[in-house]
PDB file of N, CA and C in Angstrom:
ATOM      1  N   MET A   1      -8.192   0.697 -21.934  1.00  0.00           N
ATOM      2  CA  MET A   1      -7.147   1.891 -22.493  1.00  0.00           C
ATOM      3  C   MET A   1      -7.334   3.200 -21.633  1.00  0.00           C
ATOM      4  N   ILE A   2      -6.540   3.970 -21.748  1.00  0.00           N
ATOM      5  CA  ILE A   2      -6.443   5.039 -20.934  1.00  0.00           C
ATOM      6  C   ILE A   2      -7.354   6.062 -21.398  1.00  0.00           C
ATOM      7  N   GLY A   3      -8.101   6.642 -20.429  1.00  0.00           N
ATOM      8  CA  GLY A   3      -8.887   7.904 -20.965  1.00  0.00           C
ATOM      9  C   GLY A   3     -10.418   7.446 -21.423  1.00  0.00           C
ATOM     10  N   LYS A   4     -10.443   6.115 -21.399  1.00  0.00           N
ATOM     11  CA  LYS A   4     -11.797   5.520 -21.904  1.00  0.00           C
ATOM     12  C   LYS A   4     -12.582   5.226 -20.828  1.00  0.00           C
ATOM     13  N   VAL A   5     -14.128   5.845 -20.921  1.00  0.00           N
ATOM     14  CA  VAL A   5     -14.938   5.547 -19.653  1.00  0.00           C
ATOM     15  C   VAL A   5     -15.900   4.860 -20.238  1.00  0.00           C
ATOM     16  N   THR A   6     -16.217   3.532 -19.480  1.00  0.00           N
ATOM     17  CA  THR A   6     -17.381   2.523 -19.746  1.00  0.00           C
ATOM     18  C   THR A   6     -18.562   2.749 -18.798  1.00  0.00           C
ATOM     19  N   VAL A   7     -19.659   3.171 -19.149  1.00  0.00           N
ATOM     20  CA  VAL A   7     -20.744   3.139 -18.161  1.00  0.00           C
ATOM     21  C   VAL A   7     -21.634   2.121 -18.323  1.00  0.00           C
ATOM     22  N   TRP A   8     -21.976   1.446 -17.413  1.00  0.00           N
ATOM     23  CA  TRP A   8     -22.587   0.175 -16.906  1.00  0.00           C
ATOM     24  C   TRP A   8     -24.030   0.735 -16.521  1.00  0.00           C
ATOM     25  N   TYR A   9     -24.916   0.097 -17.255  1.00  0.00           N
ATOM     26  CA  TYR A   9     -26.462   0.312 -16.743  1.00  0.00           C
ATOM     27  C   TYR A   9     -27.046  -0.732 -16.216  1.00  0.00           C
ATOM     28  N   MET A  10     -27.456  -0.846 -15.084  1.00  0.00           N
ATOM     29  CA  MET A  10     -28.066  -2.176 -14.280  1.00  0.00           C
ATOM     30  C   MET A  10     -29.535  -1.731 -13.967  1.00  0.00           C
ATOM     31  N   THR A  11     -30.248  -2.955 -14.192  1.00  0.00           N
ATOM     32  CA  THR A  11     -31.717  -2.742 -13.554  1.00  0.00           C
ATOM     33  C   THR A  11     -31.539  -2.816 -12.211  1.00  0.00           C
ATOM     34  N   GLU A  12     -32.526  -2.611 -11.360  1.00  0.00           N
ATOM     35  CA  GLU A  12     -32.740  -2.601  -9.980  1.00  0.00           C
ATOM     36  C   GLU A  12     -32.376  -3.938  -9.324  1.00  0.00           C
ATOM     37  N   GLU A  13     -33.096  -5.046 -10.169  1.00  0.00           N
ATOM     38  CA  GLU A  13     -32.708  -6.353  -9.600  1.00  0.00           C
ATOM     39  C   GLU A  13     -31.358  -6.794  -9.929  1.00  0.00           C
ATOM     40  N   GLU A  14     -30.452  -6.536 -10.945  1.00  0.00           N
ATOM     41  CA  GLU A  14     -29.233  -6.683 -11.085  1.00  0.00           C
ATOM     42  C   GLU A  14     -28.307  -6.001 -10.082  1.00  0.00           C
ATOM     43  N   ARG A  15     -28.716  -4.896  -9.688  1.00  0.00           N
ATOM     44  CA  ARG A  15     -27.959  -4.371  -8.806  1.00  0.00           C
ATOM     45  C   ARG A  15     -27.971  -4.697  -7.488  1.00  0.00           C
ATOM     46  N   LEU A  16     -29.366  -5.315  -6.960  1.00  0.00           N
ATOM     47  CA  LEU A  16     -29.355  -5.832  -5.524  1.00  0.00           C
ATOM     48  C   LEU A  16     -28.864  -7.177  -5.833  1.00  0.00           C
ATOM     49  N   ALA A  17     -28.778  -8.029  -6.712  1.00  0.00           N
ATOM     50  CA  ALA A  17     -28.046  -9.209  -6.855  1.00  0.00           C
ATOM     51  C   ALA A  17     -26.612  -8.963  -6.815  1.00  0.00           C
ATOM     52  N   TYR A  18     -26.014  -8.026  -7.345  1.00  0.00           N
ATOM     53  CA  TYR A  18     -24.578  -7.580  -7.382  1.00  0.00           C
ATOM     54  C   TYR A  18     -24.423  -7.286  -5.711  1.00  0.00           C
ATOM     55  N   ILE A  19     -25.092  -6.648  -5.397  1.00  0.00           N
ATOM     56  CA  ILE A  19     -24.903  -6.127  -3.890  1.00  0.00           C
ATOM     57  C   ILE A  19     -24.715  -7.421  -2.903  1.00  0.00           C
ATOM     58  N   ALA A  20     -25.850  -8.298  -3.352  1.00  0.00           N
ATOM     59  CA  ALA A  20     -26.034  -9.374  -2.279  1.00  0.00           C
ATOM     60  C   ALA A  20     -24.476 -10.374  -2.707  1.00  0.00           C
ATOM     61  N   LYS A  21     -24.176 -10.645  -3.671  1.00  0.00           N
ATOM     62  CA  LYS A  21     -23.165 -11.252  -4.099  1.00  0.00           C
ATOM     63  C   LYS A  21     -21.733 -10.621  -3.627  1.00  0.00           C
ATOM     64  N   HIS A  22     -21.609  -9.300  -3.680  1.00  0.00           N
ATOM     65  CA  HIS A  22     -20.461  -8.567  -2.993  1.00  0.00           C
ATOM     66  C   HIS A  22     -20.983  -7.735  -2.016  1.00  0.00           C
ATOM     67  N   PRO A  23     -21.158  -8.181  -0.762  1.00  0.00           N
ATOM     68  CA  PRO A  23     -21.392  -7.372   0.252  1.00  0.00           C
ATOM     69  C   PRO A  23     -20.316  -6.183   0.587  1.00  0.00           C
ATOM     70  N   ILE A  24     -20.673  -5.033   1.132  1.00  0.00           N
ATOM     71  CA  ILE A  24     -19.887  -3.927   1.768  1.00  0.00           C
ATOM     72  C   ILE A  24     -19.610  -4.647   3.290  1.00  0.00           C
ATOM     73  N   VAL A  25     -18.490  -4.754   3.504  1.00  0.00           N
ATOM     74  CA  VAL A  25     -18.047  -5.304   4.793  1.00  0.00           C
ATOM     75  C   VAL A  25     -17.464  -4.059   5.527  1.00  0.00           C
ATOM     76  N   PRO A  26     -18.032  -3.695   6.642  1.00  0.00           N
ATOM     77  CA  PRO A  26     -17.457  -2.426   7.135  1.00  0.00           C
ATOM     78  C   PRO A  26     -16.088  -3.110   8.016  1.00  0.00           C
ATOM     79  N   THR A  27     -15.050  -2.319   8.115  1.00  0.00           N
ATOM     80  CA  THR A  27     -13.753  -2.400   8.626  1.00  0.00           C
ATOM     81  C   THR A  27     -13.549  -1.306   9.701  1.00  0.00           C
ATOM     82  N   GLU A  28     -12.837  -1.807  10.974  1.00  0.00           N
ATOM     83  CA  GLU A  28     -12.657  -1.030  11.744  1.00  0.00           C
ATOM     84  C   GLU A  28     -11.045  -0.208  11.535  1.00  0.00           C
ATOM     85  N   GLN A  29     -10.981   1.025  11.744  1.00  0.00           N
ATOM     86  CA  GLN A  29      -9.859   1.517  11.816  1.00  0.00           C
ATOM     87  C   GLN A  29      -8.684   1.170  12.835  1.00  0.00           C
ATOM     88  N   PRO A  30      -7.478   1.116  12.653  1.00  0.00           N
ATOM     89  CA  PRO A  30      -6.737   0.505  13.841  1.00  0.00           C
ATOM     90  C   PRO A  30      -6.888   1.773  15.155  1.00  0.00           C
ATOM     91  N   SER A  31      -6.471   1.110  16.153  1.00  0.00           N
ATOM     92  CA  SER A  31      -6.680   1.941  17.559  1.00  0.00           C
ATOM     93  C   SER A  31      -5.646   2.995  17.538  1.00  0.00           C
ATOM     94  N   GLY A  32      -5.834   4.103  18.374  1.00  0.00           N
ATOM     95  CA  GLY A  32      -4.851   5.219  18.347  1.00  0.00           C
ATOM     96  C   GLY A  32      -3.636   4.728  18.495  1.00  0.00           C
ATOM     97  N   PRO A  33      -2.987   4.103  19.452  1.00  0.00           N
ATOM     98  CA  PRO A  33      -1.253   4.077  19.302  1.00  0.00           C
ATOM     99  C   PRO A  33      -0.860   3.338  18.277  1.00  0.00           C
ATOM    100  N   ILE A  34      -1.351   2.454  17.707  1.00  0.00           N
ATOM    101  CA  ILE A  34      -0.972   1.833  16.277  1.00  0.00           C
ATOM    102  C   ILE A  34      -0.780   2.784  15.329  1.00  0.00           C
ATOM    103  N   PHE A  35      -2.172   3.416  15.140  1.00  0.00           N
ATOM    104  CA  PHE A  35      -2.116   4.564  13.997  1.00  0.00           C
ATOM    105  C   PHE A  35      -1.317   5.507  13.972  1.00  0.00           C
ATOM    106  N   LEU A  36      -1.092   6.066  15.434  1.00  0.00           N
ATOM    107  CA  LEU A  36      -0.032   7.202  15.588  1.00  0.00           C
ATOM    108  C   LEU A  36       1.373   6.747  15.348  1.00  0.00           C
ATOM    109  N   LYS A  37       1.668   5.562  15.681  1.00  0.00           N
ATOM    110  CA  LYS A  37       2.917   4.958  15.752  1.00  0.00           C
ATOM    111  C   LYS A  37       3.497   4.808  14.106  1.00  0.00           C
ATOM    112  N   ASN A  38       2.414   4.509  13.278  1.00  0.00           N
ATOM    113  CA  ASN A  38       2.716   4.622  11.798  1.00  0.00           C
ATOM    114  C   ASN A  38       2.868   5.778  11.084  1.00  0.00           C
ATOM    115  N   ASP A  39       1.770   6.747  11.704  1.00  0.00           N
ATOM    116  CA  ASP A  39       2.137   8.175  10.978  1.00  0.00           C
ATOM    117  C   ASP A  39       3.390   8.861  11.552  1.00  0.00           C
ATOM    118  N   GLU A  40       3.920   8.538  12.640  1.00  0.00           N
ATOM    119  CA  GLU A  40       5.260   9.246  13.183  1.00  0.00           C
ATOM    120  C   GLU A  40       6.320   8.474  12.129  1.00  0.00           C
ATOM    121  N   LYS A  41       6.248   7.424  11.756  1.00  0.00           N
ATOM    122  CA  LYS A  41       7.128   6.634  10.889  1.00  0.00           C
ATOM    123  C   LYS A  41       7.271   7.272   9.822  1.00  0.00           C
ATOM    124  N   ARG A  42       5.954   7.436   9.127  1.00  0.00           N
ATOM    125  CA  ARG A  42       5.802   7.939   7.855  1.00  0.00           C
ATOM    126  C   ARG A  42       6.571   9.499   7.879  1.00  0.00           C
ATOM    127  N   LYS A  43       6.372  10.375   8.935  1.00  0.00           N
ATOM    128  CA  LYS A  43       6.634  11.706   8.807  1.00  0.00           C
ATOM    129  C   LYS A  43       8.029  11.703   8.963  1.00  0.00           C
ATOM    130  N   LYS A  44       8.665  10.993   9.809  1.00  0.00           N
ATOM    131  CA  LYS A  44      10.097  10.874  10.034  1.00  0.00           C
ATOM    132  C   LYS A  44      10.865  10.366   8.584  1.00  0.00           C
ATOM    133  N   ALA A  45      10.245   9.395   7.855  1.00  0.00           N
ATOM    134  CA  ALA A  45      10.613   8.917   6.641  1.00  0.00           C
ATOM    135  C   ALA A  45      10.607   9.904   5.743  1.00  0.00           C
ATOM    136  N   SER A  46       9.552  10.717   5.685  1.00  0.00           N
ATOM    137  CA  SER A  46       9.538  11.941   4.690  1.00  0.00           C
ATOM    138  C   SER A  46      10.437  12.994   5.065  1.00  0.00           C
ATOM    139  N   GLU A  47      10.706  13.440   6.160  1.00  0.00           N
ATOM    140  CA  GLU A  47      11.837  14.193   6.469  1.00  0.00           C
ATOM    141  C   GLU A  47      13.178  13.701   6.162  1.00  0.00           C
ATOM    142  N   ASN A  48      13.516  12.676   6.349  1.00  0.00           N
ATOM    143  CA  ASN A  48      14.786  11.805   6.079  1.00  0.00           C
ATOM    144  C   ASN A  48      15.024  12.193   4.413  1.00  0.00           C
ATOM    145  N   GLY A  49      13.709  11.762   3.679  1.00  0.00           N
ATOM    146  CA  GLY A  49      13.748  11.774   2.377  1.00  0.00           C
ATOM    147  C   GLY A  49      13.900  13.157   1.833  1.00  0.00           C
ATOM    148  N   ALA A  50      13.540  14.122   2.255  1.00  0.00           N
ATOM    149  CA  ALA A  50      13.322  15.530   1.859  1.00  0.00           C
ATOM    150  C   ALA A  50      14.819  15.794   2.093  1.00  0.00           C
ATOM    151  N   LYS A  51      15.735  15.360   3.365  1.00  0.00           N
ATOM    152  CA  LYS A  51      16.974  15.814   3.697  1.00  0.00           C
ATOM    153  C   LYS A  51      18.092  15.327   2.509  1.00  0.00           C
ATOM    154  N   SER A  52      17.644  14.060   2.332  1.00  0.00           N
ATOM    155  CA  SER A  52      18.713  13.503   1.383  1.00  0.00           C
ATOM    156  C   SER A  52      18.376  13.991  -0.196  1.00  0.00           C
ATOM    157  N   THR A  53      17.230  14.392  -0.302  1.00  0.00           N
ATOM    158  CA  THR A  53      16.930  15.192  -1.858  1.00  0.00           C
ATOM    159  C   THR A  53      17.715  16.470  -1.648  1.00  0.00           C
ATOM    160  N   LYS A  54      17.637  17.135  -0.810  1.00  0.00           N
ATOM    161  CA  LYS A  54      18.246  18.366  -0.731  1.00  0.00           C
ATOM    162  C   LYS A  54      19.770  18.350  -0.692  1.00  0.00           C
ATOM    163  N   GLU A  55      20.442  17.381  -0.083  1.00  0.00           N
ATOM    164  CA  GLU A  55      21.777  17.008  -0.158  1.00  0.00           C
ATOM    165  C   GLU A  55      22.258  16.798  -1.639  1.00  0.00           C
ATOM    166  N   MET A  56      21.413  15.842  -2.360  1.00  0.00           N
ATOM    167  CA  MET A  56      21.634  15.448  -3.623  1.00  0.00           C
ATOM    168  C   MET A  56      21.515  16.497  -4.694  1.00  0.00           C
ATOM    169  N   TRP A  57      20.825  17.718  -4.436  1.00  0.00           N
ATOM    170  CA  TRP A  57      20.693  19.018  -5.149  1.00  0.00           C
ATOM    171  C   TRP A  57      21.795  19.807  -5.007  1.00  0.00           C
ATOM    172  N   LYS A  58      22.425  19.919  -3.876  1.00  0.00           N
ATOM    173  CA  LYS A  58      23.533  20.670  -3.447  1.00  0.00           C
ATOM    174  C   LYS A  58      24.685  20.262  -4.101  1.00  0.00           C
ATOM    175  N   LYS A  59      24.827  18.838  -4.259  1.00  0.00           N
ATOM    176  CA  LYS A  59      25.854  18.087  -4.806  1.00  0.00           C
ATOM    177  C   LYS A  59      25.934  18.237  -6.242  1.00  0.00           C
ATOM    178  N   ARG A  60      24.750  18.287  -6.865  1.00  0.00           N
ATOM    179  CA  ARG A  60      24.455  18.676  -8.516  1.00  0.00           C
ATOM    180  C   ARG A  60      24.637  20.031  -8.573  1.00  0.00           C
ATOM    181  N   LYS A  61      24.747  20.983  -7.687  1.00  0.00           N
ATOM    182  CA  LYS A  61      24.738  22.352  -8.050  1.00  0.00           C
ATOM    183  C   LYS A  61      26.404  22.804  -7.923  1.00  0.00           C
ATOM    184  N   SER A  62      26.976  21.795  -6.922  1.00  0.00           N
ATOM    185  CA  SER A  62      28.405  22.065  -6.975  1.00  0.00           C
ATOM    186  C   SER A  62      29.262  21.645  -7.885  1.00  0.00           C
ATOM    187  N   GLU A  63      28.705  20.641  -8.788  1.00  0.00           N
ATOM    188  CA  GLU A  63      29.556  19.926  -9.688  1.00  0.00           C
ATOM    189  C   GLU A  63      29.468  20.922 -11.063  1.00  0.00           C
TER     190      GLU A  63
END
């Protein structure tokens, strides 16, 4: 349900059992060049999207 909050209460033993069953596995972030390449793609796509949106607005205003 939207807006409904469910609060779960666990004992310390239940919490430790849950953590043992679902361990937190650390992950490494991608190295610099790959990460920057994806960031550049995202920025370029964002700019292109903004341009096309502005063009659509101009067309709608002119109609």
